[in-house]
Amino acid sequence: MDEQTRIEIEAAAFRRLQKHLMEDRPEVQNIDMMNLAGFCRNCLSRWYQEAASERGIEMDKAAGREAFYGMPYDDWRAQNQTEASPDKQAAFEVAFRENVGEADKD
């Protein structure tokens, strides 16, 4: 497989993952994803932002999230996010530290 084809296939797989998380399974909570898999939609939006920055494209966190979520993050949260139990929040603190670090968590 040539390099361009590989890149196109990887991009298509990313777009399908994004569609799955945003359209097919919006009820799956980010906190559950982070607790079980060590990443969530916010991580994917951050990786998108970082990839843009590596290519000289200025993008802040809000713009990265809007690019991934397809809407402002606060709108997504209002439509889809539910209140997390104290147990889930405690597990999230551990998962976030282990997978992301001590940075901003929202």
PDB file of N, CA and C in Angstrom:
ATOM      1  N   MET A   1       0.852  -1.176   0.000  1.00  0.00           N
ATOM      2  CA  MET A   1       0.000   0.000   0.000  1.00  0.00           C
ATOM      3  C   MET A   1       0.894   1.234   0.000  1.00  0.00           C
ATOM      4  N   ASP A   2       0.554   2.181  -0.865  1.00  0.00           N
ATOM      5  CA  ASP A   2       1.362   3.395  -0.904  1.00  0.00           C
ATOM      6  C   ASP A   2       0.967   4.324   0.247  1.00  0.00           C
ATOM      7  N   GLU A   3       1.838   5.287   0.522  1.00  0.00           N
ATOM      8  CA  GLU A   3       1.676   6.190   1.671  1.00  0.00           C
ATOM      9  C   GLU A   3       0.384   7.004   1.594  1.00  0.00           C
ATOM     10  N   GLN A   4       0.048   7.540   0.430  1.00  0.00           N
ATOM     11  CA  GLN A   4      -1.163   8.350   0.292  1.00  0.00           C
ATOM     12  C   GLN A   4      -2.415   7.526   0.564  1.00  0.00           C
ATOM     13  N   THR A   5      -2.445   6.313   0.059  1.00  0.00           N
ATOM     14  CA  THR A   5      -3.592   5.432   0.301  1.00  0.00           C
ATOM     15  C   THR A   5      -3.719   5.116   1.783  1.00  0.00           C
ATOM     16  N   ARG A   6      -2.604   4.838   2.440  1.00  0.00           N
ATOM     17  CA  ARG A   6      -2.619   4.562   3.878  1.00  0.00           C
ATOM     18  C   ARG A   6      -3.190   5.752   4.640  1.00  0.00           C
ATOM     19  N   ILE A   7      -2.742   6.955   4.303  1.00  0.00           N
ATOM     20  CA  ILE A   7      -3.233   8.175   4.961  1.00  0.00           C
ATOM     21  C   ILE A   7      -4.744   8.320   4.742  1.00  0.00           C
ATOM     22  N   GLU A   8      -5.202   8.071   3.524  1.00  0.00           N
ATOM     23  CA  GLU A   8      -6.625   8.199   3.228  1.00  0.00           C
ATOM     24  C   GLU A   8      -7.452   7.165   3.991  1.00  0.00           C
ATOM     25  N   ILE A   9      -6.951   5.959   4.107  1.00  0.00           N
ATOM     26  CA  ILE A   9      -7.657   4.920   4.861  1.00  0.00           C
ATOM     27  C   ILE A   9      -7.687   5.263   6.343  1.00  0.00           C
ATOM     28  N   GLU A  10      -6.569   5.747   6.882  1.00  0.00           N
ATOM     29  CA  GLU A  10      -6.546   6.159   8.287  1.00  0.00           C
ATOM     30  C   GLU A  10      -7.519   7.313   8.532  1.00  0.00           C
ATOM     31  N   ALA A  11      -7.569   8.268   7.638  1.00  0.00           N
ATOM     32  CA  ALA A  11      -8.502   9.391   7.768  1.00  0.00           C
ATOM     33  C   ALA A  11      -9.947   8.898   7.711  1.00  0.00           C
ATOM     34  N   ALA A  12     -10.234   7.960   6.827  1.00  0.00           N
ATOM     35  CA  ALA A  12     -11.592   7.416   6.738  1.00  0.00           C
ATOM     36  C   ALA A  12     -11.964   6.673   8.020  1.00  0.00           C
ATOM     37  N   ALA A  13     -11.018   5.937   8.583  1.00  0.00           N
ATOM     38  CA  ALA A  13     -11.285   5.234   9.842  1.00  0.00           C
ATOM     39  C   ALA A  13     -11.536   6.235  10.968  1.00  0.00           C
ATOM     40  N   PHE A  14     -10.787   7.321  11.012  1.00  0.00           N
ATOM     41  CA  PHE A  14     -11.009   8.362  12.016  1.00  0.00           C
ATOM     42  C   PHE A  14     -12.399   8.970  11.847  1.00  0.00           C
ATOM     43  N   ARG A  15     -12.774   9.290  10.620  1.00  0.00           N
ATOM     44  CA  ARG A  15     -14.089   9.877  10.381  1.00  0.00           C
ATOM     45  C   ARG A  15     -15.205   8.919  10.807  1.00  0.00           C
ATOM     46  N   ARG A  16     -14.993   7.626  10.588  1.00  0.00           N
ATOM     47  CA  ARG A  16     -16.005   6.640  11.000  1.00  0.00           C
ATOM     48  C   ARG A  16     -16.079   6.546  12.519  1.00  0.00           C
ATOM     49  N   LEU A  17     -14.945   6.595  13.201  1.00  0.00           N
ATOM     50  CA  LEU A  17     -14.940   6.610  14.663  1.00  0.00           C
ATOM     51  C   LEU A  17     -15.669   7.846  15.166  1.00  0.00           C
ATOM     52  N   GLN A  18     -15.382   8.986  14.580  1.00  0.00           N
ATOM     53  CA  GLN A  18     -16.043  10.227  14.967  1.00  0.00           C
ATOM     54  C   GLN A  18     -17.556  10.109  14.768  1.00  0.00           C
ATOM     55  N   LYS A  19     -17.999   9.612  13.634  1.00  0.00           N
ATOM     56  CA  LYS A  19     -19.427   9.444  13.370  1.00  0.00           C
ATOM     57  C   LYS A  19     -20.045   8.492  14.386  1.00  0.00           C
ATOM     58  N   HIS A  20     -19.375   7.416  14.672  1.00  0.00           N
ATOM     59  CA  HIS A  20     -19.886   6.440  15.641  1.00  0.00           C
ATOM     60  C   HIS A  20     -20.107   7.089  16.999  1.00  0.00           C
ATOM     61  N   LEU A  21     -19.118   7.869  17.452  1.00  0.00           N
ATOM     62  CA  LEU A  21     -19.214   8.495  18.769  1.00  0.00           C
ATOM     63  C   LEU A  21     -20.208   9.652  18.795  1.00  0.00           C
ATOM     64  N   MET A  22     -20.321  10.383  17.705  1.00  0.00           N
ATOM     65  CA  MET A  22     -21.149  11.578  17.694  1.00  0.00           C
ATOM     66  C   MET A  22     -22.589  11.302  17.264  1.00  0.00           C
ATOM     67  N   GLU A  23     -22.792  10.372  16.342  1.00  0.00           N
ATOM     68  CA  GLU A  23     -24.130  10.142  15.805  1.00  0.00           C
ATOM     69  C   GLU A  23     -24.729   8.809  16.243  1.00  0.00           C
ATOM     70  N   ASP A  24     -23.927   7.758  16.180  1.00  0.00           N
ATOM     71  CA  ASP A  24     -24.461   6.428  16.472  1.00  0.00           C
ATOM     72  C   ASP A  24     -24.588   6.165  17.978  1.00  0.00           C
ATOM     73  N   ARG A  25     -23.661   6.712  18.775  1.00  0.00           N
ATOM     74  CA  ARG A  25     -23.641   6.425  20.212  1.00  0.00           C
ATOM     75  C   ARG A  25     -23.420   7.676  21.064  1.00  0.00           C
ATOM     76  N   PRO A  26     -24.192   8.734  20.853  1.00  0.00           N
ATOM     77  CA  PRO A  26     -23.978   9.951  21.653  1.00  0.00           C
ATOM     78  C   PRO A  26     -24.294   9.761  23.124  1.00  0.00           C
ATOM     79  N   GLU A  27     -25.054   8.711  23.451  1.00  0.00           N
ATOM     80  CA  GLU A  27     -25.400   8.465  24.851  1.00  0.00           C
ATOM     81  C   GLU A  27     -24.234   7.919  25.672  1.00  0.00           C
ATOM     82  N   VAL A  28     -23.200   7.426  25.001  1.00  0.00           N
ATOM     83  CA  VAL A  28     -22.024   6.947  25.727  1.00  0.00           C
ATOM     84  C   VAL A  28     -21.302   8.162  26.289  1.00  0.00           C
ATOM     85  N   GLN A  29     -21.151   8.189  27.578  1.00  0.00           N
ATOM     86  CA  GLN A  29     -20.599   9.344  28.263  1.00  0.00           C
ATOM     87  C   GLN A  29     -19.070   9.370  28.159  1.00  0.00           C
ATOM     88  N   ASN A  30     -18.514  10.563  28.012  1.00  0.00           N
ATOM     89  CA  ASN A  30     -17.061  10.721  27.971  1.00  0.00           C
ATOM     90  C   ASN A  30     -16.405  10.149  29.217  1.00  0.00           C
ATOM     91  N   ILE A  31     -17.017  10.360  30.369  1.00  0.00           N
ATOM     92  CA  ILE A  31     -16.417   9.882  31.612  1.00  0.00           C
ATOM     93  C   ILE A  31     -16.300   8.354  31.595  1.00  0.00           C
ATOM     94  N   ASP A  32     -17.300   7.668  31.037  1.00  0.00           N
ATOM     95  CA  ASP A  32     -17.238   6.208  30.946  1.00  0.00           C
ATOM     96  C   ASP A  32     -16.144   5.766  29.983  1.00  0.00           C
ATOM     97  N   MET A  33     -16.019   6.479  28.860  1.00  0.00           N
ATOM     98  CA  MET A  33     -14.957   6.157  27.908  1.00  0.00           C
ATOM     99  C   MET A  33     -13.586   6.322  28.561  1.00  0.00           C
ATOM    100  N   MET A  34     -13.400   7.446  29.255  1.00  0.00           N
ATOM    101  CA  MET A  34     -12.106   7.698  29.902  1.00  0.00           C
ATOM    102  C   MET A  34     -11.822   6.643  30.961  1.00  0.00           C
ATOM    103  N   ASN A  35     -12.824   6.323  31.760  1.00  0.00           N
ATOM    104  CA  ASN A  35     -12.616   5.352  32.830  1.00  0.00           C
ATOM    105  C   ASN A  35     -12.297   3.962  32.298  1.00  0.00           C
ATOM    106  N   LEU A  36     -12.893   3.586  31.175  1.00  0.00           N
ATOM    107  CA  LEU A  36     -12.683   2.246  30.629  1.00  0.00           C
ATOM    108  C   LEU A  36     -11.533   2.158  29.626  1.00  0.00           C
ATOM    109  N   ALA A  37     -11.388   3.198  28.801  1.00  0.00           N
ATOM    110  CA  ALA A  37     -10.425   3.114  27.697  1.00  0.00           C
ATOM    111  C   ALA A  37      -9.239   4.057  27.815  1.00  0.00           C
ATOM    112  N   GLY A  38      -9.323   5.029  28.731  1.00  0.00           N
ATOM    113  CA  GLY A  38      -8.217   5.961  28.890  1.00  0.00           C
ATOM    114  C   GLY A  38      -8.220   7.101  27.884  1.00  0.00           C
ATOM    115  N   PHE A  39      -9.318   7.254  27.127  1.00  0.00           N
ATOM    116  CA  PHE A  39      -9.468   8.390  26.226  1.00  0.00           C
ATOM    117  C   PHE A  39     -10.957   8.621  26.028  1.00  0.00           C
ATOM    118  N   CYS A  40     -11.288   9.807  25.514  1.00  0.00           N
ATOM    119  CA  CYS A  40     -12.692  10.133  25.262  1.00  0.00           C
ATOM    120  C   CYS A  40     -12.767  11.089  24.075  1.00  0.00           C
ATOM    121  N   ARG A  41     -13.939  11.607  23.815  1.00  0.00           N
ATOM    122  CA  ARG A  41     -14.114  12.554  22.709  1.00  0.00           C
ATOM    123  C   ARG A  41     -13.227  13.781  22.885  1.00  0.00           C
ATOM    124  N   ASN A  42     -13.084  14.252  24.127  1.00  0.00           N
ATOM    125  CA  ASN A  42     -12.225  15.415  24.360  1.00  0.00           C
ATOM    126  C   ASN A  42     -10.776  15.110  24.008  1.00  0.00           C
ATOM    127  N   CYS A  43     -10.324  13.904  24.291  1.00  0.00           N
ATOM    128  CA  CYS A  43      -8.966  13.515  23.893  1.00  0.00           C
ATOM    129  C   CYS A  43      -8.829  13.548  22.378  1.00  0.00           C
ATOM    130  N   LEU A  44      -9.813  12.996  21.681  1.00  0.00           N
ATOM    131  CA  LEU A  44      -9.771  13.008  20.222  1.00  0.00           C
ATOM    132  C   LEU A  44      -9.752  14.431  19.682  1.00  0.00           C
ATOM    133  N   SER A  45     -10.527  15.317  20.299  1.00  0.00           N
ATOM    134  CA  SER A  45     -10.511  16.707  19.835  1.00  0.00           C
ATOM    135  C   SER A  45      -9.172  17.363  20.134  1.00  0.00           C
ATOM    136  N   ARG A  46      -8.548  17.004  21.250  1.00  0.00           N
ATOM    137  CA  ARG A  46      -7.228  17.549  21.577  1.00  0.00           C
ATOM    138  C   ARG A  46      -6.182  17.023  20.594  1.00  0.00           C
ATOM    139  N   TRP A  47      -6.256  15.748  20.254  1.00  0.00           N
ATOM    140  CA  TRP A  47      -5.314  15.190  19.279  1.00  0.00           C
ATOM    141  C   TRP A  47      -5.494  15.853  17.923  1.00  0.00           C
ATOM    142  N   TYR A  48      -6.716  16.162  17.563  1.00  0.00           N
ATOM    143  CA  TYR A  48      -6.997  16.894  16.320  1.00  0.00           C
ATOM    144  C   TYR A  48      -6.328  18.266  16.373  1.00  0.00           C
ATOM    145  N   GLN A  49      -6.525  18.960  17.482  1.00  0.00           N
ATOM    146  CA  GLN A  49      -5.927  20.290  17.685  1.00  0.00           C
ATOM    147  C   GLN A  49      -4.403  20.204  17.616  1.00  0.00           C
ATOM    148  N   GLU A  50      -3.820  19.211  18.276  1.00  0.00           N
ATOM    149  CA  GLU A  50      -2.367  19.051  18.261  1.00  0.00           C
ATOM    150  C   GLU A  50      -1.848  18.771  16.852  1.00  0.00           C
ATOM    151  N   ALA A  51      -2.565  17.952  16.092  1.00  0.00           N
ATOM    152  CA  ALA A  51      -2.161  17.658  14.713  1.00  0.00           C
ATOM    153  C   ALA A  51      -2.209  18.920  13.856  1.00  0.00           C
ATOM    154  N   ALA A  52      -3.234  19.743  14.066  1.00  0.00           N
ATOM    155  CA  ALA A  52      -3.319  21.009  13.334  1.00  0.00           C
ATOM    156  C   ALA A  52      -2.140  21.903  13.701  1.00  0.00           C
ATOM    157  N   SER A  53      -1.846  22.010  14.986  1.00  0.00           N
ATOM    158  CA  SER A  53      -0.733  22.856  15.448  1.00  0.00           C
ATOM    159  C   SER A  53       0.597  22.391  14.881  1.00  0.00           C
ATOM    160  N   GLU A  54       0.789  21.070  14.799  1.00  0.00           N
ATOM    161  CA  GLU A  54       2.026  20.528  14.225  1.00  0.00           C
ATOM    162  C   GLU A  54       2.202  20.941  12.768  1.00  0.00           C
ATOM    163  N   ARG A  55       1.108  21.270  12.114  1.00  0.00           N
ATOM    164  CA  ARG A  55       1.147  21.687  10.714  1.00  0.00           C
ATOM    165  C   ARG A  55       1.053  23.195  10.562  1.00  0.00           C
ATOM    166  N   GLY A  56       1.234  23.915  11.677  1.00  0.00           N
ATOM    167  CA  GLY A  56       1.239  25.366  11.644  1.00  0.00           C
ATOM    168  C   GLY A  56      -0.138  26.006  11.596  1.00  0.00           C
ATOM    169  N   ILE A  57      -1.167  25.238  11.885  1.00  0.00           N
ATOM    170  CA  ILE A  57      -2.527  25.759  11.886  1.00  0.00           C
ATOM    171  C   ILE A  57      -2.888  26.097  13.326  1.00  0.00           C
ATOM    172  N   GLU A  58      -3.118  27.386  13.575  1.00  0.00           N
ATOM    173  CA  GLU A  58      -3.468  27.824  14.926  1.00  0.00           C
ATOM    174  C   GLU A  58      -4.884  27.361  15.257  1.00  0.00           C
ATOM    175  N   MET A  59      -5.018  26.663  16.375  1.00  0.00           N
ATOM    176  CA  MET A  59      -6.318  26.175  16.799  1.00  0.00           C
ATOM    177  C   MET A  59      -6.308  26.077  18.306  1.00  0.00           C
ATOM    178  N   ASP A  60      -7.233  26.776  18.960  1.00  0.00           N
ATOM    179  CA  ASP A  60      -7.312  26.650  20.411  1.00  0.00           C
ATOM    180  C   ASP A  60      -8.204  25.467  20.773  1.00  0.00           C
ATOM    181  N   LYS A  61      -8.311  25.201  22.080  1.00  0.00           N
ATOM    182  CA  LYS A  61      -9.067  24.044  22.547  1.00  0.00           C
ATOM    183  C   LYS A  61     -10.521  24.116  22.095  1.00  0.00           C
ATOM    184  N   ALA A  62     -11.130  25.286  22.193  1.00  0.00           N
ATOM    185  CA  ALA A  62     -12.538  25.431  21.796  1.00  0.00           C
ATOM    186  C   ALA A  62     -12.727  25.127  20.317  1.00  0.00           C
ATOM    187  N   ALA A  63     -11.823  25.594  19.481  1.00  0.00           N
ATOM    188  CA  ALA A  63     -11.929  25.339  18.037  1.00  0.00           C
ATOM    189  C   ALA A  63     -11.704  23.863  17.726  1.00  0.00           C
ATOM    190  N   GLY A  64     -10.762  23.235  18.424  1.00  0.00           N
ATOM    191  CA  GLY A  64     -10.530  21.803  18.238  1.00  0.00           C
ATOM    192  C   GLY A  64     -11.749  20.989  18.617  1.00  0.00           C
ATOM    193  N   ARG A  65     -12.369  21.362  19.740  1.00  0.00           N
ATOM    194  CA  ARG A  65     -13.574  20.659  20.162  1.00  0.00           C
ATOM    195  C   ARG A  65     -14.717  20.876  19.182  1.00  0.00           C
ATOM    196  N   GLU A  66     -14.876  22.099  18.715  1.00  0.00           N
ATOM    197  CA  GLU A  66     -15.957  22.358  17.766  1.00  0.00           C
ATOM    198  C   GLU A  66     -15.726  21.590  16.458  1.00  0.00           C
ATOM    199  N   ALA A  67     -14.479  21.480  16.025  1.00  0.00           N
ATOM    200  CA  ALA A  67     -14.173  20.718  14.812  1.00  0.00           C
ATOM    201  C   ALA A  67     -14.537  19.245  15.001  1.00  0.00           C
ATOM    202  N   PHE A  68     -14.249  18.685  16.190  1.00  0.00           N
ATOM    203  CA  PHE A  68     -14.553  17.274  16.420  1.00  0.00           C
ATOM    204  C   PHE A  68     -16.034  17.056  16.707  1.00  0.00           C
ATOM    205  N   TYR A  69     -16.596  17.859  17.605  1.00  0.00           N
ATOM    206  CA  TYR A  69     -17.990  17.676  18.014  1.00  0.00           C
ATOM    207  C   TYR A  69     -18.986  18.146  16.959  1.00  0.00           C
ATOM    208  N   GLY A  70     -18.548  19.011  16.044  1.00  0.00           N
ATOM    209  CA  GLY A  70     -19.453  19.538  15.036  1.00  0.00           C
ATOM    210  C   GLY A  70     -20.375  20.621  15.577  1.00  0.00           C
ATOM    211  N   MET A  71     -20.065  21.106  16.754  1.00  0.00           N
ATOM    212  CA  MET A  71     -20.849  22.157  17.407  1.00  0.00           C
ATOM    213  C   MET A  71     -20.038  22.643  18.597  1.00  0.00           C
ATOM    214  N   PRO A  72     -20.394  23.784  19.169  1.00  0.00           N
ATOM    215  CA  PRO A  72     -19.693  24.207  20.382  1.00  0.00           C
ATOM    216  C   PRO A  72     -19.836  23.147  21.479  1.00  0.00           C
ATOM    217  N   TYR A  73     -18.770  22.948  22.221  1.00  0.00           N
ATOM    218  CA  TYR A  73     -18.743  21.907  23.251  1.00  0.00           C
ATOM    219  C   TYR A  73     -19.864  22.079  24.267  1.00  0.00           C
ATOM    220  N   ASP A  74     -20.152  23.308  24.673  1.00  0.00           N
ATOM    221  CA  ASP A  74     -21.220  23.526  25.642  1.00  0.00           C
ATOM    222  C   ASP A  74     -22.568  23.059  25.108  1.00  0.00           C
ATOM    223  N   ASP A  75     -22.797  23.204  23.811  1.00  0.00           N
ATOM    224  CA  ASP A  75     -24.033  22.705  23.208  1.00  0.00           C
ATOM    225  C   ASP A  75     -24.089  21.181  23.282  1.00  0.00           C
ATOM    226  N   TRP A  76     -22.957  20.533  22.970  1.00  0.00           N
ATOM    227  CA  TRP A  76     -22.902  19.060  23.049  1.00  0.00           C
ATOM    228  C   TRP A  76     -23.198  18.599  24.477  1.00  0.00           C
ATOM    229  N   ARG A  77     -22.554  19.240  25.430  1.00  0.00           N
ATOM    230  CA  ARG A  77     -22.764  18.856  26.830  1.00  0.00           C
ATOM    231  C   ARG A  77     -24.228  19.010  27.218  1.00  0.00           C
ATOM    232  N   ALA A  78     -24.852  20.115  26.846  1.00  0.00           N
ATOM    233  CA  ALA A  78     -26.249  20.350  27.197  1.00  0.00           C
ATOM    234  C   ALA A  78     -27.172  19.295  26.578  1.00  0.00           C
ATOM    235  N   GLN A  79     -26.844  18.838  25.378  1.00  0.00           N
ATOM    236  CA  GLN A  79     -27.679  17.859  24.681  1.00  0.00           C
ATOM    237  C   GLN A  79     -27.443  16.424  25.131  1.00  0.00           C
ATOM    238  N   ASN A  80     -26.202  16.107  25.570  1.00  0.00           N
ATOM    239  CA  ASN A  80     -25.838  14.699  25.721  1.00  0.00           C
ATOM    240  C   ASN A  80     -25.249  14.286  27.063  1.00  0.00           C
ATOM    241  N   GLN A  81     -24.686  15.197  27.791  1.00  0.00           N
ATOM    242  CA  GLN A  81     -23.970  14.799  29.006  1.00  0.00           C
ATOM    243  C   GLN A  81     -24.922  14.681  30.186  1.00  0.00           C
ATOM    244  N   THR A  82     -24.760  13.623  30.939  1.00  0.00           N
ATOM    245  CA  THR A  82     -25.543  13.412  32.155  1.00  0.00           C
ATOM    246  C   THR A  82     -24.643  13.594  33.368  1.00  0.00           C
ATOM    247  N   GLU A  83     -25.243  13.714  34.525  1.00  0.00           N
ATOM    248  CA  GLU A  83     -24.491  13.878  35.764  1.00  0.00           C
ATOM    249  C   GLU A  83     -23.784  12.566  36.109  1.00  0.00           C
ATOM    250  N   ALA A  84     -22.518  12.659  36.455  1.00  0.00           N
ATOM    251  CA  ALA A  84     -21.734  11.477  36.816  1.00  0.00           C
ATOM    252  C   ALA A  84     -21.811  11.250  38.317  1.00  0.00           C
ATOM    253  N   SER A  85     -21.864   9.991  38.690  1.00  0.00           N
ATOM    254  CA  SER A  85     -21.903   9.641  40.109  1.00  0.00           C
ATOM    255  C   SER A  85     -20.560   9.965  40.752  1.00  0.00           C
ATOM    256  N   PRO A  86     -20.535  10.098  42.070  1.00  0.00           N
ATOM    257  CA  PRO A  86     -19.255  10.330  42.750  1.00  0.00           C
ATOM    258  C   PRO A  86     -18.232   9.221  42.474  1.00  0.00           C
ATOM    259  N   ASP A  87     -18.690   7.970  42.358  1.00  0.00           N
ATOM    260  CA  ASP A  87     -17.773   6.872  42.050  1.00  0.00           C
ATOM    261  C   ASP A  87     -17.146   7.036  40.669  1.00  0.00           C
ATOM    262  N   LYS A  88     -17.956   7.422  39.685  1.00  0.00           N
ATOM    263  CA  LYS A  88     -17.420   7.640  38.337  1.00  0.00           C
ATOM    264  C   LYS A  88     -16.451   8.817  38.324  1.00  0.00           C
ATOM    265  N   GLN A  89     -16.784   9.874  39.068  1.00  0.00           N
ATOM    266  CA  GLN A  89     -15.900  11.036  39.133  1.00  0.00           C
ATOM    267  C   GLN A  89     -14.559  10.683  39.762  1.00  0.00           C
ATOM    268  N   ALA A  90     -14.583   9.864  40.811  1.00  0.00           N
ATOM    269  CA  ALA A  90     -13.332   9.439  41.460  1.00  0.00           C
ATOM    270  C   ALA A  90     -12.507   8.571  40.513  1.00  0.00           C
ATOM    271  N   ALA A  91     -13.156   7.655  39.800  1.00  0.00           N
ATOM    272  CA  ALA A  91     -12.442   6.816  38.827  1.00  0.00           C
ATOM    273  C   ALA A  91     -11.869   7.666  37.706  1.00  0.00           C
ATOM    274  N   PHE A  92     -12.610   8.698  37.298  1.00  0.00           N
ATOM    275  CA  PHE A  92     -12.141   9.596  36.256  1.00  0.00           C
ATOM    276  C   PHE A  92     -10.864  10.314  36.678  1.00  0.00           C
ATOM    277  N   GLU A  93     -10.810  10.785  37.914  1.00  0.00           N
ATOM    278  CA  GLU A  93      -9.606  11.478  38.402  1.00  0.00           C
ATOM    279  C   GLU A  93      -8.382  10.594  38.228  1.00  0.00           C
ATOM    280  N   VAL A  94      -8.515   9.320  38.548  1.00  0.00           N
ATOM    281  CA  VAL A  94      -7.406   8.377  38.403  1.00  0.00           C
ATOM    282  C   VAL A  94      -7.092   8.163  36.922  1.00  0.00           C
ATOM    283  N   ALA A  95      -8.111   7.875  36.122  1.00  0.00           N
ATOM    284  CA  ALA A  95      -7.902   7.611  34.691  1.00  0.00           C
ATOM    285  C   ALA A  95      -7.293   8.813  33.997  1.00  0.00           C
ATOM    286  N   PHE A  96      -7.759  10.009  34.343  1.00  0.00           N
ATOM    287  CA  PHE A  96      -7.232  11.215  33.713  1.00  0.00           C
ATOM    288  C   PHE A  96      -5.756  11.392  34.053  1.00  0.00           C
ATOM    289  N   ARG A  97      -5.419  11.252  35.323  1.00  0.00           N
ATOM    290  CA  ARG A  97      -4.013  11.389  35.738  1.00  0.00           C
ATOM    291  C   ARG A  97      -3.130  10.373  35.018  1.00  0.00           C
ATOM    292  N   GLU A  98      -3.597   9.141  34.921  1.00  0.00           N
ATOM    293  CA  GLU A  98      -2.801   8.079  34.298  1.00  0.00           C
ATOM    294  C   GLU A  98      -2.652   8.260  32.795  1.00  0.00           C
ATOM    295  N   ASN A  99      -3.655   8.830  32.138  1.00  0.00           N
ATOM    296  CA  ASN A  99      -3.651   8.883  30.676  1.00  0.00           C
ATOM    297  C   ASN A  99      -3.383  10.244  30.077  1.00  0.00           C
ATOM    298  N   VAL A 100      -3.660  11.311  30.839  1.00  0.00           N
ATOM    299  CA  VAL A 100      -3.508  12.653  30.304  1.00  0.00           C
ATOM    300  C   VAL A 100      -2.528  13.462  31.126  1.00  0.00           C
ATOM    301  N   GLY A 101      -2.611  13.382  32.413  1.00  0.00           N
ATOM    302  CA  GLY A 101      -1.761  14.169  33.297  1.00  0.00           C
ATOM    303  C   GLY A 101      -2.601  15.028  34.199  1.00  0.00           C
ATOM    304  N   GLU A 102      -2.054  16.138  34.597  1.00  0.00           N
ATOM    305  CA  GLU A 102      -2.727  17.009  35.551  1.00  0.00           C
ATOM    306  C   GLU A 102      -3.350  18.235  34.894  1.00  0.00           C
ATOM    307  N   ALA A 103      -3.441  18.268  33.578  1.00  0.00           N
ATOM    308  CA  ALA A 103      -3.928  19.449  32.862  1.00  0.00           C
ATOM    309  C   ALA A 103      -5.442  19.631  33.058  1.00  0.00           C
ATOM    310  N   ASP A 104      -5.953  20.680  32.443  1.00  0.00           N
ATOM    311  CA  ASP A 104      -7.370  21.034  32.484  1.00  0.00           C
ATOM    312  C   ASP A 104      -8.223  19.852  32.013  1.00  0.00           C
ATOM    313  N   LYS A 105      -9.253  19.505  32.777  1.00  0.00           N
ATOM    314  CA  LYS A 105     -10.050  18.316  32.506  1.00  0.00           C
ATOM    315  C   LYS A 105     -11.386  18.577  31.842  1.00  0.00           C
ATOM    316  N   ASP A 106     -11.831  19.806  31.671  1.00  0.00           N
ATOM    317  CA  ASP A 106     -13.194  19.982  31.164  1.00  0.00           C
ATOM    318  C   ASP A 106     -13.314  19.748  29.686  1.00  0.00           C
TER     319      ASP A 106
END
